[in-house]
Amino acid sequence: MATRLRDIPPLRSLPLSVEAVRYNRVRLALRRLANPLRLELPRGIDMFLEDTSWLCMYGESEFPLVEWAEFAPSGRALHEPVRCVMHLYHVHAGLISSTSLATMDALLQARLAEKRR
């Protein structure tokens, strides 16, 4: 999925750190549930999780909104944040980025809990 984005330049790219708990939960979900993994977020946003990127796209049009990529997990302890780059593809992508991550986290917690049962 993320390979198709290489033809679309981001409006802006920002260095960022992702919380360790969130990063570790995504890695666990990719191992236990599916890889790649698709999540349906509110407002018609789909989130695609892969080893190398987390991508939010706007539903059927598949218009990219925001992507977290270039994760640098090596050399860190499990409790330390992971550096990455956030690529913004839409003018208002920054407004949905934190909400998207929080919703993703809640959905993954629920799916992983269901899998344990």
C-alpha atoms as a PDB file:
ATOM      1  CA  MET A   1       0.000   0.000   0.000  1.00  0.00           C
ATOM      2  CA  ALA A   2       2.670   2.492   0.988  1.00  0.00           C
ATOM      3  CA  THR A   3       4.639   1.825  -2.180  1.00  0.00           C
ATOM      4  CA  ARG A   4       1.886   3.503  -4.229  1.00  0.00           C
ATOM      5  CA  LEU A   5       2.393   6.673  -2.197  1.00  0.00           C
ATOM      6  CA  ARG A   6       5.856   7.209  -3.580  1.00  0.00           C
ATOM      7  CA  ASP A   7       4.218   8.875  -6.608  1.00  0.00           C
ATOM      8  CA  ILE A   8       2.405  11.369  -4.347  1.00  0.00           C
ATOM      9  CA  PRO A   9       4.661  13.838  -2.565  1.00  0.00           C
ATOM     10  CA  PRO A  10       3.614  14.761   0.986  1.00  0.00           C
ATOM     11  CA  LEU A  11       2.725  18.363   1.715  1.00  0.00           C
ATOM     12  CA  ARG A  12       4.909  18.212   4.797  1.00  0.00           C
ATOM     13  CA  SER A  13       7.040  15.694   6.681  1.00  0.00           C
ATOM     14  CA  LEU A  14       7.787  15.963  10.388  1.00  0.00           C
ATOM     15  CA  PRO A  15      10.102  14.013  12.690  1.00  0.00           C
ATOM     16  CA  LEU A  16       8.107  12.423  15.476  1.00  0.00           C
ATOM     17  CA  SER A  17       8.274   9.879  18.280  1.00  0.00           C
ATOM     18  CA  VAL A  18       5.600   7.237  18.756  1.00  0.00           C
ATOM     19  CA  GLU A  19       4.895   6.039  22.285  1.00  0.00           C
ATOM     20  CA  ALA A  20       6.467   2.689  23.055  1.00  0.00           C
ATOM     21  CA  VAL A  21       3.182   1.103  24.164  1.00  0.00           C
ATOM     22  CA  ARG A  22       1.484   2.088  20.912  1.00  0.00           C
ATOM     23  CA  TYR A  23       4.353   0.939  18.696  1.00  0.00           C
ATOM     24  CA  ASN A  24       4.666  -2.371  20.549  1.00  0.00           C
ATOM     25  CA  ARG A  25       0.909  -2.988  20.309  1.00  0.00           C
ATOM     26  CA  VAL A  26       0.971  -2.479  16.529  1.00  0.00           C
ATOM     27  CA  ARG A  27       3.916  -4.867  16.180  1.00  0.00           C
ATOM     28  CA  LEU A  28       2.074  -7.463  18.276  1.00  0.00           C
ATOM     29  CA  ALA A  29      -1.119  -7.055  16.236  1.00  0.00           C
ATOM     30  CA  LEU A  30       0.788  -7.463  12.980  1.00  0.00           C
ATOM     31  CA  ARG A  31       2.201 -10.732  14.283  1.00  0.00           C
ATOM     32  CA  ARG A  32      -0.964 -12.139  15.856  1.00  0.00           C
ATOM     33  CA  LEU A  33      -3.801 -10.800  13.686  1.00  0.00           C
ATOM     34  CA  ALA A  34      -2.652 -10.066  10.129  1.00  0.00           C
ATOM     35  CA  ASN A  35       0.090  -8.329   8.195  1.00  0.00           C
ATOM     36  CA  PRO A  36      -0.882  -6.033   6.562  1.00  0.00           C
ATOM     37  CA  LEU A  37      -3.826  -5.082   8.768  1.00  0.00           C
ATOM     38  CA  ARG A  38      -6.744  -2.830   7.806  1.00  0.00           C
ATOM     39  CA  LEU A  39      -8.771  -0.898  10.381  1.00  0.00           C
ATOM     40  CA  GLU A  40     -11.945   1.079   9.758  1.00  0.00           C
ATOM     41  CA  LEU A  41     -11.829   4.357  11.657  1.00  0.00           C
ATOM     42  CA  PRO A  42     -14.718   6.832  12.030  1.00  0.00           C
ATOM     43  CA  ARG A  43     -15.587   9.363   9.310  1.00  0.00           C
ATOM     44  CA  GLY A  44     -14.756   7.029   6.429  1.00  0.00           C
ATOM     45  CA  ILE A  45     -11.055   6.761   7.189  1.00  0.00           C
ATOM     46  CA  ASP A  46      -9.268   3.467   6.656  1.00  0.00           C
ATOM     47  CA  MET A  47      -5.966   2.750   8.359  1.00  0.00           C
ATOM     48  CA  PHE A  48      -3.507   0.294   6.876  1.00  0.00           C
ATOM     49  CA  LEU A  49      -0.808  -1.062   9.164  1.00  0.00           C
ATOM     50  CA  GLU A  50       2.323  -2.687   7.790  1.00  0.00           C
ATOM     51  CA  ASP A  51       5.789  -3.358   9.156  1.00  0.00           C
ATOM     52  CA  THR A  52       7.220  -0.232   7.569  1.00  0.00           C
ATOM     53  CA  SER A  53       4.321   2.232   7.678  1.00  0.00           C
ATOM     54  CA  TRP A  54       0.950   3.124   9.177  1.00  0.00           C
ATOM     55  CA  LEU A  55      -1.239   4.868   6.628  1.00  0.00           C
ATOM     56  CA  CYS A  56      -4.585   6.658   6.947  1.00  0.00           C
ATOM     57  CA  MET A  57      -6.561   6.979   3.718  1.00  0.00           C
ATOM     58  CA  TYR A  58      -9.904   8.490   3.017  1.00  0.00           C
ATOM     59  CA  GLY A  59     -12.255   5.582   2.244  1.00  0.00           C
ATOM     60  CA  GLU A  60     -13.231   4.622  -1.268  1.00  0.00           C
ATOM     61  CA  SER A  61     -11.260   7.387  -2.978  1.00  0.00           C
ATOM     62  CA  GLU A  62      -8.103   6.006  -1.350  1.00  0.00           C
ATOM     63  CA  PHE A  63      -6.806   9.527  -0.902  1.00  0.00           C
ATOM     64  CA  PRO A  64      -3.843   9.477   1.503  1.00  0.00           C
ATOM     65  CA  LEU A  65      -4.190  11.658   4.584  1.00  0.00           C
ATOM     66  CA  VAL A  66      -1.309  10.881   6.907  1.00  0.00           C
ATOM     67  CA  GLU A  67       1.428   8.259   7.117  1.00  0.00           C
ATOM     68  CA  TRP A  68       3.826   7.285   9.876  1.00  0.00           C
ATOM     69  CA  ALA A  69       6.931   5.719   8.362  1.00  0.00           C
ATOM     70  CA  GLU A  70      10.691   5.346   8.650  1.00  0.00           C
ATOM     71  CA  PHE A  71      10.469   3.803  12.119  1.00  0.00           C
ATOM     72  CA  ALA A  72      13.804   3.526  13.939  1.00  0.00           C
ATOM     73  CA  PRO A  73      13.269   0.944  16.700  1.00  0.00           C
ATOM     74  CA  SER A  74      16.803  -0.416  16.869  1.00  0.00           C
ATOM     75  CA  GLY A  75      18.939   0.376  19.863  1.00  0.00           C
ATOM     76  CA  ARG A  76      16.033   1.170  22.177  1.00  0.00           C
ATOM     77  CA  ALA A  77      14.516  -0.560  25.166  1.00  0.00           C
ATOM     78  CA  LEU A  78      10.889  -1.740  24.935  1.00  0.00           C
ATOM     79  CA  HIS A  79       9.671   1.142  27.099  1.00  0.00           C
ATOM     80  CA  GLU A  80      11.351   3.891  25.038  1.00  0.00           C
ATOM     81  CA  PRO A  81       9.557   5.823  22.269  1.00  0.00           C
ATOM     82  CA  VAL A  82      10.292   5.017  18.637  1.00  0.00           C
ATOM     83  CA  ARG A  83      11.430   7.736  16.286  1.00  0.00           C
ATOM     84  CA  CYS A  84       9.659   8.002  12.941  1.00  0.00           C
ATOM     85  CA  VAL A  85       8.563  10.497  10.291  1.00  0.00           C
ATOM     86  CA  MET A  86       4.974  11.649   9.872  1.00  0.00           C
ATOM     87  CA  HIS A  87       4.069  12.501   6.271  1.00  0.00           C
ATOM     88  CA  LEU A  88       1.063  14.800   5.870  1.00  0.00           C
ATOM     89  CA  TYR A  89      -0.774  14.465   2.545  1.00  0.00           C
ATOM     90  CA  HIS A  90      -3.767  16.670   3.333  1.00  0.00           C
ATOM     91  CA  VAL A  91      -4.002  20.217   4.659  1.00  0.00           C
ATOM     92  CA  HIS A  92      -5.925  19.074   7.754  1.00  0.00           C
ATOM     93  CA  ALA A  93      -4.093  15.790   8.306  1.00  0.00           C
ATOM     94  CA  GLY A  94      -2.440  17.105  11.449  1.00  0.00           C
ATOM     95  CA  LEU A  95      -5.866  17.550  13.016  1.00  0.00           C
ATOM     96  CA  ILE A  96      -6.784  13.876  12.641  1.00  0.00           C
ATOM     97  CA  SER A  97      -3.390  12.320  13.339  1.00  0.00           C
ATOM     98  CA  SER A  98      -3.610  12.049  17.136  1.00  0.00           C
ATOM     99  CA  THR A  99      -7.268  10.976  17.053  1.00  0.00           C
ATOM    100  CA  SER A 100      -6.467   8.339  14.443  1.00  0.00           C
ATOM    101  CA  LEU A 101      -3.659   6.921  16.569  1.00  0.00           C
ATOM    102  CA  ALA A 102      -5.854   6.823  19.678  1.00  0.00           C
ATOM    103  CA  THR A 103      -8.686   5.100  17.803  1.00  0.00           C
ATOM    104  CA  MET A 104      -6.238   2.648  16.226  1.00  0.00           C
ATOM    105  CA  ASP A 105      -4.876   1.849  19.669  1.00  0.00           C
ATOM    106  CA  ALA A 106      -8.347   1.172  21.107  1.00  0.00           C
ATOM    107  CA  LEU A 107      -9.326  -1.038  18.159  1.00  0.00           C
ATOM    108  CA  LEU A 108      -6.127  -3.051  18.416  1.00  0.00           C
ATOM    109  CA  GLN A 109      -6.567  -3.523  22.166  1.00  0.00           C
ATOM    110  CA  ALA A 110     -10.066  -4.889  21.575  1.00  0.00           C
ATOM    111  CA  ARG A 111      -8.997  -7.207  18.745  1.00  0.00           C
ATOM    112  CA  LEU A 112      -6.028  -8.562  20.658  1.00  0.00           C
ATOM    113  CA  ALA A 113      -8.194  -9.156  23.741  1.00  0.00           C
ATOM    114  CA  GLU A 114     -10.728 -11.002  21.573  1.00  0.00           C
ATOM    115  CA  LYS A 115      -7.948 -13.120  20.115  1.00  0.00           C
ATOM    116  CA  ARG A 116      -6.803 -14.151  23.616  1.00  0.00           C
ATOM    117  CA  ARG A 117     -10.255 -15.476  24.530  1.00  0.00           C
END
